[in-house]
Amino acid sequence: MINPTANNAADPMSRTYVSQGLTLHYADWGNDGAPPLILVHGNRDHARSWDWIAGTLRDRWHVVAPDLRGHGDSAWSPEGAYLNPYHLLDFVELMDTLGHDKVTVVGHSFGAGVASRYAAIFPDRIAKLAIVDGFGPELQIYAGWAKTGPVPRTLEWVKQRCDPRNDTPRRFTTIDEAIARIAAGNSRLSEAQARHLTEHGVRRHADGYGWKFDPRVSMFAPEDFSFELTAYWREITAPTLLCYGAESWSTDPEKDGRAANLRNRRTIAIENAGHWPHHDQFDAFIRVLQDFL
């Protein structure tokens, strides 16, 4: 097993760019001239959750990991504008900032959705795409949303956004309390992994430690999931890896039929892994990823 703290000495450079008036951050592991590899984290996560992957690949790739708006060391949107189109615009700006003609992208969960949208709209800019447990809600959930209808769902979203209690960031008295919360969310994490993810995921405040992500990033408007990602998948031309944790809440895209929308795909399940296969079974995941790359 790879030591999860082995790459900590090789910290990335912190860089920023501006998108839609927000100053956004990305971690850059250097190696100019090497093929570019962009790692996109999921909801309520941060760029440094990719440290172990980046540390393994940085000798052969120019690895970059952005903090999505409202996450990590990127600015929060004053309006709470965290719809997928805004994240897509941010990715467009990042690509322009980096200046590469073509990149390989690995996206986890929500970040895979951002990457998939970009790959569909700009297929000539993507060399390869890896979707890590990023297939979205089960098809039954979409059916349930359709049955409920947009008006009641929008009303619920408005109530959620207008409730001041939902805007109040959570605070922890000590960093160990935050570490315990991370560990409780994923029992497969080692103590070192949980500490690393927490240390890069919290900020010190006068009244304690708080998550770096904006509490509003998880308040998804109905329009954000009004149609399935399969509409985008059909337009992706790059070789695509569909990788998921066999014990995740996500579904097998081959069994539910969604994988068939990708014309050039490879689907692999990581055994004994949940929603974060790159954390839960690092050795198995990195072998799959390196083989695909």
C-alpha atoms as a PDB file:
ATOM      1  CA  MET A   1       0.000   0.000   0.000  1.00  0.00           C
ATOM      2  CA  ILE A   2       1.216   3.485  -0.827  1.00  0.00           C
ATOM      3  CA  ASN A   3       1.910   5.632   2.225  1.00  0.00           C
ATOM      4  CA  PRO A   4      -0.752   8.369   2.130  1.00  0.00           C
ATOM      5  CA  THR A   5       1.680  10.913   3.597  1.00  0.00           C
ATOM      6  CA  ALA A   6       4.559  10.103   1.256  1.00  0.00           C
ATOM      7  CA  ASN A   7       3.826  12.938  -1.174  1.00  0.00           C
ATOM      8  CA  ASN A   8       3.182  15.698   1.347  1.00  0.00           C
ATOM      9  CA  ALA A   9       6.722  17.060   1.014  1.00  0.00           C
ATOM     10  CA  ALA A  10       6.050  17.764  -2.658  1.00  0.00           C
ATOM     11  CA  ASP A  11       3.469  20.507  -2.144  1.00  0.00           C
ATOM     12  CA  PRO A  12       2.094  22.144  -5.289  1.00  0.00           C
ATOM     13  CA  MET A  13       2.336  25.802  -6.226  1.00  0.00           C
ATOM     14  CA  SER A  14      -0.753  27.897  -5.512  1.00  0.00           C
ATOM     15  CA  ARG A  15      -1.994  29.893  -8.479  1.00  0.00           C
ATOM     16  CA  THR A  16      -5.091  31.962  -9.198  1.00  0.00           C
ATOM     17  CA  TYR A  17      -7.116  33.135 -12.161  1.00  0.00           C
ATOM     18  CA  VAL A  18     -10.253  35.239 -12.549  1.00  0.00           C
ATOM     19  CA  SER A  19     -13.567  33.907 -13.858  1.00  0.00           C
ATOM     20  CA  GLN A  20     -16.842  35.838 -13.940  1.00  0.00           C
ATOM     21  CA  GLY A  21     -15.393  38.320 -11.444  1.00  0.00           C
ATOM     22  CA  LEU A  22     -14.306  35.654  -8.935  1.00  0.00           C
ATOM     23  CA  THR A  23     -10.691  34.906  -8.032  1.00  0.00           C
ATOM     24  CA  LEU A  24     -10.350  31.150  -8.269  1.00  0.00           C
ATOM     25  CA  HIS A  25      -7.483  29.004  -7.061  1.00  0.00           C
ATOM     26  CA  TYR A  26      -5.723  25.984  -8.512  1.00  0.00           C
ATOM     27  CA  ALA A  27      -2.872  23.780  -7.339  1.00  0.00           C
ATOM     28  CA  ASP A  28      -0.070  23.325  -9.851  1.00  0.00           C
ATOM     29  CA  TRP A  29       2.494  20.531  -9.474  1.00  0.00           C
ATOM     30  CA  GLY A  30       4.678  21.920 -12.269  1.00  0.00           C
ATOM     31  CA  ASN A  31       6.566  19.897 -14.890  1.00  0.00           C
ATOM     32  CA  ASP A  32       6.089  22.273 -17.815  1.00  0.00           C
ATOM     33  CA  GLY A  33       6.380  20.533 -21.147  1.00  0.00           C
ATOM     34  CA  ALA A  34       4.795  17.332 -19.858  1.00  0.00           C
ATOM     35  CA  PRO A  35       1.274  16.458 -21.070  1.00  0.00           C
ATOM     36  CA  PRO A  36      -1.353  18.377 -19.041  1.00  0.00           C
ATOM     37  CA  LEU A  37      -3.607  16.518 -16.611  1.00  0.00           C
ATOM     38  CA  ILE A  38      -6.446  18.316 -14.816  1.00  0.00           C
ATOM     39  CA  LEU A  39      -8.006  16.791 -11.689  1.00  0.00           C
ATOM     40  CA  VAL A  40     -11.461  18.100 -10.750  1.00  0.00           C
ATOM     41  CA  HIS A  41     -12.824  17.436  -7.252  1.00  0.00           C
ATOM     42  CA  GLY A  42     -16.428  16.868  -6.226  1.00  0.00           C
ATOM     43  CA  ASN A  43     -18.957  18.846  -4.206  1.00  0.00           C
ATOM     44  CA  ARG A  44     -17.808  20.093  -0.768  1.00  0.00           C
ATOM     45  CA  ASP A  45     -14.283  18.847  -1.506  1.00  0.00           C
ATOM     46  CA  HIS A  46     -11.091  20.649  -2.504  1.00  0.00           C
ATOM     47  CA  ALA A  47      -8.114  20.473  -4.852  1.00  0.00           C
ATOM     48  CA  ARG A  48      -5.735  19.018  -2.277  1.00  0.00           C
ATOM     49  CA  SER A  49      -7.852  15.862  -2.040  1.00  0.00           C
ATOM     50  CA  TRP A  50      -5.929  14.835  -5.179  1.00  0.00           C
ATOM     51  CA  ASP A  51      -2.503  15.112  -3.519  1.00  0.00           C
ATOM     52  CA  TRP A  52      -1.778  11.382  -3.545  1.00  0.00           C
ATOM     53  CA  ILE A  53      -2.788  11.008  -7.181  1.00  0.00           C
ATOM     54  CA  ALA A  54      -0.821  14.087  -8.189  1.00  0.00           C
ATOM     55  CA  GLY A  55       2.226  12.972  -6.234  1.00  0.00           C
ATOM     56  CA  THR A  56       2.252   9.686  -8.115  1.00  0.00           C
ATOM     57  CA  LEU A  57       1.761  11.188 -11.580  1.00  0.00           C
ATOM     58  CA  ARG A  58       3.665  14.475 -11.382  1.00  0.00           C
ATOM     59  CA  ASP A  59       6.894  13.075 -12.857  1.00  0.00           C
ATOM     60  CA  ARG A  60       5.171  12.228 -16.138  1.00  0.00           C
ATOM     61  CA  TRP A  61       2.379  14.786 -16.253  1.00  0.00           C
ATOM     62  CA  HIS A  62       1.856  18.484 -15.666  1.00  0.00           C
ATOM     63  CA  VAL A  63      -0.811  18.080 -12.986  1.00  0.00           C
ATOM     64  CA  VAL A  64      -3.254  20.868 -12.142  1.00  0.00           C
ATOM     65  CA  ALA A  65      -6.176  20.662  -9.694  1.00  0.00           C
ATOM     66  CA  PRO A  66      -8.620  23.575  -9.474  1.00  0.00           C
ATOM     67  CA  ASP A  67     -10.709  24.523  -6.468  1.00  0.00           C
ATOM     68  CA  LEU A  68     -14.245  24.939  -7.795  1.00  0.00           C
ATOM     69  CA  ARG A  69     -15.914  28.249  -7.005  1.00  0.00           C
ATOM     70  CA  GLY A  70     -17.090  28.261  -3.402  1.00  0.00           C
ATOM     71  CA  HIS A  71     -14.611  25.507  -2.503  1.00  0.00           C
ATOM     72  CA  GLY A  72     -11.111  25.269  -1.098  1.00  0.00           C
ATOM     73  CA  ASP A  73      -9.128  28.465  -1.599  1.00  0.00           C
ATOM     74  CA  SER A  74     -11.372  29.803  -4.359  1.00  0.00           C
ATOM     75  CA  ALA A  75     -13.697  32.743  -3.730  1.00  0.00           C
ATOM     76  CA  TRP A  76     -17.309  32.276  -2.716  1.00  0.00           C
ATOM     77  CA  SER A  77     -19.932  33.633  -5.106  1.00  0.00           C
ATOM     78  CA  PRO A  78     -21.696  36.615  -3.482  1.00  0.00           C
ATOM     79  CA  GLU A  79     -24.946  35.493  -5.099  1.00  0.00           C
ATOM     80  CA  GLY A  80     -24.425  31.821  -4.329  1.00  0.00           C
ATOM     81  CA  ALA A  81     -24.154  31.150  -8.081  1.00  0.00           C
ATOM     82  CA  TYR A  82     -23.143  27.494  -8.078  1.00  0.00           C
ATOM     83  CA  LEU A  83     -25.178  26.182 -10.990  1.00  0.00           C
ATOM     84  CA  ASN A  84     -23.405  23.879 -13.416  1.00  0.00           C
ATOM     85  CA  PRO A  85     -23.225  26.551 -16.162  1.00  0.00           C
ATOM     86  CA  TYR A  86     -21.132  28.758 -13.877  1.00  0.00           C
ATOM     87  CA  HIS A  87     -18.731  25.922 -13.088  1.00  0.00           C
ATOM     88  CA  LEU A  88     -18.512  25.228 -16.817  1.00  0.00           C
ATOM     89  CA  LEU A  89     -17.601  28.864 -17.510  1.00  0.00           C
ATOM     90  CA  ASP A  90     -14.923  28.650 -14.816  1.00  0.00           C
ATOM     91  CA  PHE A  91     -13.451  25.573 -16.503  1.00  0.00           C
ATOM     92  CA  VAL A  92     -13.416  27.409 -19.841  1.00  0.00           C
ATOM     93  CA  GLU A  93     -11.512  30.270 -18.198  1.00  0.00           C
ATOM     94  CA  LEU A  94      -9.087  27.817 -16.572  1.00  0.00           C
ATOM     95  CA  MET A  95      -8.363  26.215 -19.936  1.00  0.00           C
ATOM     96  CA  ASP A  96      -7.700  29.643 -21.445  1.00  0.00           C
ATOM     97  CA  THR A  97      -5.437  30.500 -18.510  1.00  0.00           C
ATOM     98  CA  LEU A  98      -3.408  27.297 -18.852  1.00  0.00           C
ATOM     99  CA  GLY A  99      -3.172  27.729 -22.606  1.00  0.00           C
ATOM    100  CA  HIS A 100      -3.128  24.063 -23.614  1.00  0.00           C
ATOM    101  CA  ASP A 101      -4.675  22.988 -26.897  1.00  0.00           C
ATOM    102  CA  LYS A 102      -5.720  19.632 -25.471  1.00  0.00           C
ATOM    103  CA  VAL A 103      -5.804  18.165 -21.958  1.00  0.00           C
ATOM    104  CA  THR A 104      -6.628  14.944 -20.128  1.00  0.00           C
ATOM    105  CA  VAL A 105      -9.189  15.365 -17.352  1.00  0.00           C
ATOM    106  CA  VAL A 106     -10.069  13.256 -14.313  1.00  0.00           C
ATOM    107  CA  GLY A 107     -13.275  14.308 -12.570  1.00  0.00           C
ATOM    108  CA  HIS A 108     -14.795  12.920  -9.390  1.00  0.00           C
ATOM    109  CA  SER A 109     -18.514  13.037  -8.582  1.00  0.00           C
ATOM    110  CA  PHE A 110     -19.827  16.580  -9.198  1.00  0.00           C
ATOM    111  CA  GLY A 111     -16.496  17.482 -10.788  1.00  0.00           C
ATOM    112  CA  ALA A 112     -17.006  14.709 -13.329  1.00  0.00           C
ATOM    113  CA  GLY A 113     -20.210  16.425 -14.372  1.00  0.00           C
ATOM    114  CA  VAL A 114     -18.340  19.675 -14.979  1.00  0.00           C
ATOM    115  CA  ALA A 115     -15.667  17.820 -16.962  1.00  0.00           C
ATOM    116  CA  SER A 116     -18.276  15.894 -18.978  1.00  0.00           C
ATOM    117  CA  ARG A 117     -20.059  19.072 -19.988  1.00  0.00           C
ATOM    118  CA  TYR A 118     -16.810  20.633 -21.143  1.00  0.00           C
ATOM    119  CA  ALA A 119     -15.765  17.484 -23.022  1.00  0.00           C
ATOM    120  CA  ALA A 120     -19.117  17.447 -24.840  1.00  0.00           C
ATOM    121  CA  ILE A 121     -19.063  21.102 -25.825  1.00  0.00           C
ATOM    122  CA  PHE A 122     -15.357  21.221 -26.730  1.00  0.00           C
ATOM    123  CA  PRO A 123     -14.554  17.648 -27.814  1.00  0.00           C
ATOM    124  CA  ASP A 124     -11.416  18.691 -29.682  1.00  0.00           C
ATOM    125  CA  ARG A 125      -9.870  20.028 -26.448  1.00  0.00           C
ATOM    126  CA  ILE A 126     -10.027  16.718 -24.544  1.00  0.00           C
ATOM    127  CA  ALA A 127      -7.450  13.965 -25.093  1.00  0.00           C
ATOM    128  CA  LYS A 128      -8.923  11.559 -22.530  1.00  0.00           C
ATOM    129  CA  LEU A 129     -11.594  11.753 -19.838  1.00  0.00           C
ATOM    130  CA  ALA A 130     -11.875   9.746 -16.618  1.00  0.00           C
ATOM    131  CA  ILE A 131     -15.227   9.868 -14.813  1.00  0.00           C
ATOM    132  CA  VAL A 132     -14.753   8.723 -11.214  1.00  0.00           C
ATOM    133  CA  ASP A 133     -18.033   7.783  -9.516  1.00  0.00           C
ATOM    134  CA  GLY A 134     -19.590  10.674 -11.385  1.00  0.00           C
ATOM    135  CA  PHE A 135     -22.671   9.208 -13.012  1.00  0.00           C
ATOM    136  CA  GLY A 136     -25.120  11.303 -11.028  1.00  0.00           C
ATOM    137  CA  PRO A 137     -28.347  10.260  -9.327  1.00  0.00           C
ATOM    138  CA  GLU A 138     -30.023   6.951 -10.112  1.00  0.00           C
ATOM    139  CA  LEU A 139     -32.515   6.976 -12.966  1.00  0.00           C
ATOM    140  CA  GLN A 140     -35.340   6.404 -10.473  1.00  0.00           C
ATOM    141  CA  ILE A 141     -34.477   9.727  -8.855  1.00  0.00           C
ATOM    142  CA  TYR A 142     -34.864  11.540 -12.166  1.00  0.00           C
ATOM    143  CA  ALA A 143     -38.226   9.811 -12.578  1.00  0.00           C
ATOM    144  CA  GLY A 144     -39.243  10.968  -9.106  1.00  0.00           C
ATOM    145  CA  TRP A 145     -38.244  14.542  -9.871  1.00  0.00           C
ATOM    146  CA  ALA A 146     -40.264  14.470 -13.081  1.00  0.00           C
ATOM    147  CA  LYS A 147     -43.283  13.157 -11.164  1.00  0.00           C
ATOM    148  CA  THR A 148     -42.983  15.884  -8.527  1.00  0.00           C
ATOM    149  CA  GLY A 149     -42.689  18.553 -11.203  1.00  0.00           C
ATOM    150  CA  PRO A 150     -40.607  21.736 -11.480  1.00  0.00           C
ATOM    151  CA  VAL A 151     -42.941  24.076  -9.587  1.00  0.00           C
ATOM    152  CA  PRO A 152     -42.970  22.247  -6.209  1.00  0.00           C
ATOM    153  CA  ARG A 153     -39.256  21.507  -6.526  1.00  0.00           C
ATOM    154  CA  THR A 154     -38.439  25.145  -7.273  1.00  0.00           C
ATOM    155  CA  LEU A 155     -40.541  26.271  -4.319  1.00  0.00           C
ATOM    156  CA  GLU A 156     -38.592  23.924  -2.056  1.00  0.00           C
ATOM    157  CA  TRP A 157     -35.317  25.328  -3.410  1.00  0.00           C
ATOM    158  CA  VAL A 158     -36.487  28.916  -2.807  1.00  0.00           C
ATOM    159  CA  LYS A 159     -37.389  28.057   0.785  1.00  0.00           C
ATOM    160  CA  GLN A 160     -33.984  26.441   1.253  1.00  0.00           C
ATOM    161  CA  ARG A 161     -32.114  29.442  -0.136  1.00  0.00           C
ATOM    162  CA  CYS A 162     -34.187  31.931   1.877  1.00  0.00           C
ATOM    163  CA  ASP A 163     -33.711  30.143   5.203  1.00  0.00           C
ATOM    164  CA  PRO A 164     -30.881  32.021   7.006  1.00  0.00           C
ATOM    165  CA  ARG A 165     -30.042  28.902   9.004  1.00  0.00           C
ATOM    166  CA  ASN A 166     -28.744  27.287   5.814  1.00  0.00           C
ATOM    167  CA  ASP A 167     -26.260  30.122   5.282  1.00  0.00           C
ATOM    168  CA  THR A 168     -24.590  29.661   8.665  1.00  0.00           C
ATOM    169  CA  PRO A 169     -21.230  27.880   8.303  1.00  0.00           C
ATOM    170  CA  ARG A 170     -20.597  25.010  10.680  1.00  0.00           C
ATOM    171  CA  ARG A 171     -17.905  25.523  13.322  1.00  0.00           C
ATOM    172  CA  PHE A 172     -15.705  23.059  15.206  1.00  0.00           C
ATOM    173  CA  THR A 173     -13.964  23.925  18.467  1.00  0.00           C
ATOM    174  CA  THR A 174     -10.848  21.949  17.515  1.00  0.00           C
ATOM    175  CA  ILE A 175      -9.443  20.579  14.288  1.00  0.00           C
ATOM    176  CA  ASP A 176      -9.734  17.089  15.773  1.00  0.00           C
ATOM    177  CA  GLU A 177     -13.528  17.527  15.820  1.00  0.00           C
ATOM    178  CA  ALA A 178     -13.446  18.307  12.102  1.00  0.00           C
ATOM    179  CA  ILE A 179     -11.205  15.301  11.461  1.00  0.00           C
ATOM    180  CA  ALA A 180     -13.688  13.100  13.292  1.00  0.00           C
ATOM    181  CA  ARG A 181     -16.477  14.445  11.069  1.00  0.00           C
ATOM    182  CA  ILE A 182     -14.492  13.611   7.912  1.00  0.00           C
ATOM    183  CA  ALA A 183     -13.708  10.131   9.231  1.00  0.00           C
ATOM    184  CA  ALA A 184     -17.363   9.510  10.083  1.00  0.00           C
ATOM    185  CA  GLY A 185     -18.320  10.376   6.501  1.00  0.00           C
ATOM    186  CA  ASN A 186     -15.978   7.736   5.087  1.00  0.00           C
ATOM    187  CA  SER A 187     -14.943   4.934   7.431  1.00  0.00           C
ATOM    188  CA  ARG A 188     -12.396   3.628   4.897  1.00  0.00           C
ATOM    189  CA  LEU A 189     -10.109   6.632   5.358  1.00  0.00           C
ATOM    190  CA  SER A 190      -6.911   6.096   7.290  1.00  0.00           C
ATOM    191  CA  GLU A 191      -6.167   8.469  10.150  1.00  0.00           C
ATOM    192  CA  ALA A 192      -3.490  10.170   8.028  1.00  0.00           C
ATOM    193  CA  GLN A 193      -5.868  10.582   5.085  1.00  0.00           C
ATOM    194  CA  ALA A 194      -8.617  12.062   7.259  1.00  0.00           C
ATOM    195  CA  ARG A 195      -6.172  14.532   8.827  1.00  0.00           C
ATOM    196  CA  HIS A 196      -4.736  15.606   5.474  1.00  0.00           C
ATOM    197  CA  LEU A 197      -8.150  16.144   3.903  1.00  0.00           C
ATOM    198  CA  THR A 198      -9.304  18.109   6.941  1.00  0.00           C
ATOM    199  CA  GLU A 199      -6.228  20.296   7.295  1.00  0.00           C
ATOM    200  CA  HIS A 200      -6.644  21.435   3.705  1.00  0.00           C
ATOM    201  CA  GLY A 201     -10.421  21.593   3.968  1.00  0.00           C
ATOM    202  CA  VAL A 202     -10.898  23.912   6.963  1.00  0.00           C
ATOM    203  CA  ARG A 203     -10.071  27.503   7.788  1.00  0.00           C
ATOM    204  CA  ARG A 204      -9.368  28.957  11.237  1.00  0.00           C
ATOM    205  CA  HIS A 205     -11.856  31.589  12.421  1.00  0.00           C
ATOM    206  CA  ALA A 206     -12.241  33.555  15.619  1.00  0.00           C
ATOM    207  CA  ASP A 207     -15.028  31.198  16.731  1.00  0.00           C
ATOM    208  CA  GLY A 208     -13.341  27.932  15.689  1.00  0.00           C
ATOM    209  CA  TYR A 209     -12.618  25.904  12.564  1.00  0.00           C
ATOM    210  CA  GLY A 210     -14.976  25.962   9.597  1.00  0.00           C
ATOM    211  CA  TRP A 211     -15.142  24.195   6.254  1.00  0.00           C
ATOM    212  CA  LYS A 212     -13.731  26.178   3.366  1.00  0.00           C
ATOM    213  CA  PHE A 213     -16.746  25.434   1.165  1.00  0.00           C
ATOM    214  CA  ASP A 214     -19.727  27.770   0.988  1.00  0.00           C
ATOM    215  CA  PRO A 215     -22.779  26.120   2.640  1.00  0.00           C
ATOM    216  CA  ARG A 216     -24.798  27.054  -0.458  1.00  0.00           C
ATOM    217  CA  VAL A 217     -22.788  24.851  -2.863  1.00  0.00           C
ATOM    218  CA  SER A 218     -25.095  21.900  -2.152  1.00  0.00           C
ATOM    219  CA  MET A 219     -28.339  23.803  -2.680  1.00  0.00           C
ATOM    220  CA  PHE A 220     -29.000  22.582  -6.213  1.00  0.00           C
ATOM    221  CA  ALA A 221     -31.724  24.324  -8.179  1.00  0.00           C
ATOM    222  CA  PRO A 222     -34.110  22.002 -10.097  1.00  0.00           C
ATOM    223  CA  GLU A 223     -32.864  23.377 -13.421  1.00  0.00           C
ATOM    224  CA  ASP A 224     -29.385  22.125 -12.565  1.00  0.00           C
ATOM    225  CA  PHE A 225     -30.586  18.521 -12.891  1.00  0.00           C
ATOM    226  CA  SER A 226     -33.449  19.012 -15.331  1.00  0.00           C
ATOM    227  CA  PHE A 227     -31.909  16.547 -17.760  1.00  0.00           C
ATOM    228  CA  GLU A 228     -29.445  13.732 -17.440  1.00  0.00           C
ATOM    229  CA  LEU A 229     -25.752  13.956 -18.203  1.00  0.00           C
ATOM    230  CA  THR A 230     -26.331  11.354 -20.917  1.00  0.00           C
ATOM    231  CA  ALA A 231     -27.252  14.230 -23.222  1.00  0.00           C
ATOM    232  CA  TYR A 232     -23.653  15.402 -22.866  1.00  0.00           C
ATOM    233  CA  TRP A 233     -22.097  11.949 -22.872  1.00  0.00           C
ATOM    234  CA  ARG A 234     -23.422  11.343 -26.376  1.00  0.00           C
ATOM    235  CA  GLU A 235     -21.303  14.223 -27.660  1.00  0.00           C
ATOM    236  CA  ILE A 236     -18.009  13.136 -26.049  1.00  0.00           C
ATOM    237  CA  THR A 237     -15.514  11.754 -28.543  1.00  0.00           C
ATOM    238  CA  ALA A 238     -12.467  11.266 -26.305  1.00  0.00           C
ATOM    239  CA  PRO A 239     -11.600   7.831 -24.869  1.00  0.00           C
ATOM    240  CA  THR A 240     -13.437   7.710 -21.554  1.00  0.00           C
ATOM    241  CA  LEU A 241     -12.850   5.727 -18.373  1.00  0.00           C
ATOM    242  CA  LEU A 242     -15.950   5.053 -16.260  1.00  0.00           C
ATOM    243  CA  CYS A 243     -14.635   4.100 -12.843  1.00  0.00           C
ATOM    244  CA  TYR A 244     -16.783   3.624  -9.779  1.00  0.00           C
ATOM    245  CA  GLY A 245     -16.669   2.125  -6.300  1.00  0.00           C
ATOM    246  CA  ALA A 246     -18.444  -1.234  -6.243  1.00  0.00           C
ATOM    247  CA  GLU A 247     -19.968  -0.300  -2.854  1.00  0.00           C
ATOM    248  CA  SER A 248     -20.854   3.288  -3.728  1.00  0.00           C
ATOM    249  CA  TRP A 249     -24.358   4.755  -3.708  1.00  0.00           C
ATOM    250  CA  SER A 250     -23.729   5.377  -7.403  1.00  0.00           C
ATOM    251  CA  THR A 251     -24.907   2.740  -9.871  1.00  0.00           C
ATOM    252  CA  ASP A 252     -23.178   0.539 -12.419  1.00  0.00           C
ATOM    253  CA  PRO A 253     -23.543   2.560 -15.660  1.00  0.00           C
ATOM    254  CA  GLU A 254     -23.370  -0.592 -17.765  1.00  0.00           C
ATOM    255  CA  LYS A 255     -26.304  -2.174 -15.938  1.00  0.00           C
ATOM    256  CA  ASP A 256     -28.525   0.901 -15.980  1.00  0.00           C
ATOM    257  CA  GLY A 257     -27.688   1.590 -19.627  1.00  0.00           C
ATOM    258  CA  ARG A 258     -26.126   5.028 -19.272  1.00  0.00           C
ATOM    259  CA  ALA A 259     -22.652   3.857 -20.299  1.00  0.00           C
ATOM    260  CA  ALA A 260     -23.999   3.034 -23.759  1.00  0.00           C
ATOM    261  CA  ASN A 261     -24.197   6.767 -24.437  1.00  0.00           C
ATOM    262  CA  LEU A 262     -20.398   6.960 -24.550  1.00  0.00           C
ATOM    263  CA  ARG A 263     -19.002   5.837 -27.860  1.00  0.00           C
ATOM    264  CA  ASN A 264     -15.434   5.077 -26.688  1.00  0.00           C
ATOM    265  CA  ARG A 265     -15.531   3.859 -23.105  1.00  0.00           C
ATOM    266  CA  ARG A 266     -13.973   1.477 -20.624  1.00  0.00           C
ATOM    267  CA  THR A 267     -15.929   0.682 -17.443  1.00  0.00           C
ATOM    268  CA  ILE A 268     -14.184  -0.606 -14.323  1.00  0.00           C
ATOM    269  CA  ALA A 269     -15.481  -1.179 -10.799  1.00  0.00           C
ATOM    270  CA  ILE A 270     -13.097  -0.803  -7.871  1.00  0.00           C
ATOM    271  CA  GLU A 271     -13.891  -3.503  -5.347  1.00  0.00           C
ATOM    272  CA  ASN A 272     -14.218  -2.709  -1.635  1.00  0.00           C
ATOM    273  CA  ALA A 273     -14.566   0.983  -2.416  1.00  0.00           C
ATOM    274  CA  GLY A 274     -17.371   3.471  -1.958  1.00  0.00           C
ATOM    275  CA  HIS A 275     -17.947   6.900  -3.484  1.00  0.00           C
ATOM    276  CA  TRP A 276     -14.259   7.841  -3.185  1.00  0.00           C
ATOM    277  CA  PRO A 277     -12.413   4.934  -4.859  1.00  0.00           C
ATOM    278  CA  HIS A 278      -9.274   7.076  -5.215  1.00  0.00           C
ATOM    279  CA  HIS A 279      -9.162   7.291  -1.412  1.00  0.00           C
ATOM    280  CA  ASP A 280     -10.702   3.970  -0.436  1.00  0.00           C
ATOM    281  CA  GLN A 281      -8.529   1.716  -2.613  1.00  0.00           C
ATOM    282  CA  PHE A 282      -5.695   3.944  -3.769  1.00  0.00           C
ATOM    283  CA  ASP A 283      -3.417   1.212  -5.129  1.00  0.00           C
ATOM    284  CA  ALA A 284      -6.168  -0.406  -7.176  1.00  0.00           C
ATOM    285  CA  PHE A 285      -7.413   2.949  -8.434  1.00  0.00           C
ATOM    286  CA  ILE A 286      -4.011   4.282  -9.471  1.00  0.00           C
ATOM    287  CA  ARG A 287      -3.302   1.081 -11.396  1.00  0.00           C
ATOM    288  CA  VAL A 288      -6.557   1.464 -13.310  1.00  0.00           C
ATOM    289  CA  LEU A 289      -5.941   5.158 -13.948  1.00  0.00           C
ATOM    290  CA  GLN A 290      -2.335   4.727 -15.054  1.00  0.00           C
ATOM    291  CA  ASP A 291      -3.316   1.925 -17.417  1.00  0.00           C
ATOM    292  CA  PHE A 292      -5.980   4.148 -18.946  1.00  0.00           C
ATOM    293  CA  LEU A 293      -3.670   7.135 -19.220  1.00  0.00           C
END
